[in-house]
């Protein structure tokens, strides 16, 4: 099973997270940049907590995302959840 690069869980399916949002690179006609394979709950939570500008400027790597207290709190919770379980996101 594939492993989420953010929460390190074995998940049945992963999504592609653009570390620099496509909105930022598309406007400037740049390459889409680096991506990370993360599970849907992590992907939803990242976009719930941060806007695209923050993601592009300050949180453009997995390490930077993991260092944020809000993400650390979510990761400590999500790691205990069943990977096939559907999860709601909250601010």
C-alpha atoms as a PDB file:
ATOM      1  CA  UNK A   1       0.000   0.000   0.000  1.00  0.00           C
ATOM      2  CA  UNK A   2       1.251   3.535  -0.720  1.00  0.00           C
ATOM      3  CA  UNK A   3       2.443   5.681   2.191  1.00  0.00           C
ATOM      4  CA  UNK A   4       1.303   9.274   2.758  1.00  0.00           C
ATOM      5  CA  UNK A   5       4.334  11.564   2.762  1.00  0.00           C
ATOM      6  CA  UNK A   6       2.772  13.813   5.411  1.00  0.00           C
ATOM      7  CA  UNK A   7       1.261  11.454   8.013  1.00  0.00           C
ATOM      8  CA  UNK A   8       3.303   8.333   7.131  1.00  0.00           C
ATOM      9  CA  UNK A   9       0.227   6.072   7.114  1.00  0.00           C
ATOM     10  CA  UNK A  10      -0.348   3.210   4.675  1.00  0.00           C
ATOM     11  CA  UNK A  11      -3.334   4.470   2.688  1.00  0.00           C
ATOM     12  CA  UNK A  12      -5.364   2.777  -0.036  1.00  0.00           C
ATOM     13  CA  UNK A  13      -5.202   5.873  -2.253  1.00  0.00           C
ATOM     14  CA  UNK A  14      -3.075   9.028  -2.366  1.00  0.00           C
ATOM     15  CA  UNK A  15      -3.606  12.430  -3.943  1.00  0.00           C
ATOM     16  CA  UNK A  16      -1.030  14.713  -5.537  1.00  0.00           C
ATOM     17  CA  UNK A  17      -0.416  17.868  -3.516  1.00  0.00           C
ATOM     18  CA  UNK A  18       1.354  20.683  -5.360  1.00  0.00           C
ATOM     19  CA  UNK A  19       3.789  22.138  -2.835  1.00  0.00           C
ATOM     20  CA  UNK A  20       3.584  25.430  -4.730  1.00  0.00           C
ATOM     21  CA  UNK A  21      -0.118  25.782  -5.627  1.00  0.00           C
ATOM     22  CA  UNK A  22      -0.930  25.576  -9.330  1.00  0.00           C
ATOM     23  CA  UNK A  23      -2.679  28.935  -9.027  1.00  0.00           C
ATOM     24  CA  UNK A  24       0.686  30.590  -8.313  1.00  0.00           C
ATOM     25  CA  UNK A  25       2.672  28.841 -11.066  1.00  0.00           C
ATOM     26  CA  UNK A  26      -0.037  29.010 -13.733  1.00  0.00           C
ATOM     27  CA  UNK A  27      -0.270  32.807 -13.567  1.00  0.00           C
ATOM     28  CA  UNK A  28       3.469  33.186 -14.056  1.00  0.00           C
ATOM     29  CA  UNK A  29       3.561  30.430 -16.704  1.00  0.00           C
ATOM     30  CA  UNK A  30       6.093  28.494 -14.670  1.00  0.00           C
ATOM     31  CA  UNK A  31       6.700  24.778 -14.247  1.00  0.00           C
ATOM     32  CA  UNK A  32       4.203  23.230 -11.797  1.00  0.00           C
ATOM     33  CA  UNK A  33       7.018  22.573  -9.351  1.00  0.00           C
ATOM     34  CA  UNK A  34       7.441  19.845  -6.764  1.00  0.00           C
ATOM     35  CA  UNK A  35       4.590  17.639  -5.594  1.00  0.00           C
ATOM     36  CA  UNK A  36       3.974  15.256  -2.707  1.00  0.00           C
ATOM     37  CA  UNK A  37       1.769  12.171  -2.551  1.00  0.00           C
ATOM     38  CA  UNK A  38      -0.485  12.582   0.474  1.00  0.00           C
ATOM     39  CA  UNK A  39      -3.745  11.010   1.625  1.00  0.00           C
ATOM     40  CA  UNK A  40      -7.055  12.786   1.089  1.00  0.00           C
ATOM     41  CA  UNK A  41      -7.585  13.710   4.787  1.00  0.00           C
ATOM     42  CA  UNK A  42      -4.138  15.340   4.981  1.00  0.00           C
ATOM     43  CA  UNK A  43      -4.701  17.135   1.673  1.00  0.00           C
ATOM     44  CA  UNK A  44      -8.078  18.477   2.784  1.00  0.00           C
ATOM     45  CA  UNK A  45      -6.703  19.585   6.148  1.00  0.00           C
ATOM     46  CA  UNK A  46      -3.741  21.430   4.605  1.00  0.00           C
ATOM     47  CA  UNK A  47      -6.062  23.407   2.324  1.00  0.00           C
ATOM     48  CA  UNK A  48      -8.500  24.033   5.186  1.00  0.00           C
ATOM     49  CA  UNK A  49      -5.790  25.481   7.428  1.00  0.00           C
ATOM     50  CA  UNK A  50      -3.810  27.536   4.899  1.00  0.00           C
ATOM     51  CA  UNK A  51      -4.551  29.649   1.847  1.00  0.00           C
ATOM     52  CA  UNK A  52      -2.618  29.273  -1.413  1.00  0.00           C
ATOM     53  CA  UNK A  53      -0.472  32.327  -0.762  1.00  0.00           C
ATOM     54  CA  UNK A  54       0.753  30.907   2.568  1.00  0.00           C
ATOM     55  CA  UNK A  55       1.369  27.530   0.954  1.00  0.00           C
ATOM     56  CA  UNK A  56       3.371  29.055  -1.902  1.00  0.00           C
ATOM     57  CA  UNK A  57       5.518  31.393   0.199  1.00  0.00           C
ATOM     58  CA  UNK A  58       5.977  29.769   3.601  1.00  0.00           C
ATOM     59  CA  UNK A  59       4.861  26.134   3.441  1.00  0.00           C
ATOM     60  CA  UNK A  60       6.267  24.811   0.181  1.00  0.00           C
ATOM     61  CA  UNK A  61       7.786  21.592   1.537  1.00  0.00           C
ATOM     62  CA  UNK A  62       6.615  18.628   3.594  1.00  0.00           C
ATOM     63  CA  UNK A  63       9.075  19.542   6.371  1.00  0.00           C
ATOM     64  CA  UNK A  64       7.714  23.089   6.604  1.00  0.00           C
ATOM     65  CA  UNK A  65       4.136  21.790   6.724  1.00  0.00           C
ATOM     66  CA  UNK A  66       5.022  19.290   9.454  1.00  0.00           C
ATOM     67  CA  UNK A  67       6.674  22.002  11.545  1.00  0.00           C
ATOM     68  CA  UNK A  68       3.450  23.982  11.971  1.00  0.00           C
ATOM     69  CA  UNK A  69       1.674  23.393  15.326  1.00  0.00           C
ATOM     70  CA  UNK A  70      -1.760  23.118  13.682  1.00  0.00           C
ATOM     71  CA  UNK A  71      -0.503  20.383  11.371  1.00  0.00           C
ATOM     72  CA  UNK A  72       1.334  18.586  14.193  1.00  0.00           C
ATOM     73  CA  UNK A  73      -1.897  18.441  16.185  1.00  0.00           C
ATOM     74  CA  UNK A  74      -3.779  17.039  13.184  1.00  0.00           C
ATOM     75  CA  UNK A  75      -1.012  14.509  12.410  1.00  0.00           C
ATOM     76  CA  UNK A  76      -0.965  13.164  15.967  1.00  0.00           C
ATOM     77  CA  UNK A  77      -4.724  12.561  15.653  1.00  0.00           C
ATOM     78  CA  UNK A  78      -4.865  11.230  12.073  1.00  0.00           C
ATOM     79  CA  UNK A  79      -2.095   8.691  12.673  1.00  0.00           C
ATOM     80  CA  UNK A  80      -4.450   6.902  15.100  1.00  0.00           C
ATOM     81  CA  UNK A  81      -7.275   6.702  12.539  1.00  0.00           C
ATOM     82  CA  UNK A  82      -8.072   3.859  10.165  1.00  0.00           C
ATOM     83  CA  UNK A  83      -6.686   4.859   6.726  1.00  0.00           C
ATOM     84  CA  UNK A  84      -9.856   3.720   4.956  1.00  0.00           C
ATOM     85  CA  UNK A  85     -12.077   5.848   7.233  1.00  0.00           C
ATOM     86  CA  UNK A  86     -13.580   9.019   5.818  1.00  0.00           C
ATOM     87  CA  UNK A  87     -12.518  12.087   7.822  1.00  0.00           C
ATOM     88  CA  UNK A  88     -14.049  15.556   8.163  1.00  0.00           C
ATOM     89  CA  UNK A  89     -11.805  18.604   8.275  1.00  0.00           C
ATOM     90  CA  UNK A  90     -12.138  21.453  10.760  1.00  0.00           C
ATOM     91  CA  UNK A  91     -10.320  24.715  11.181  1.00  0.00           C
END
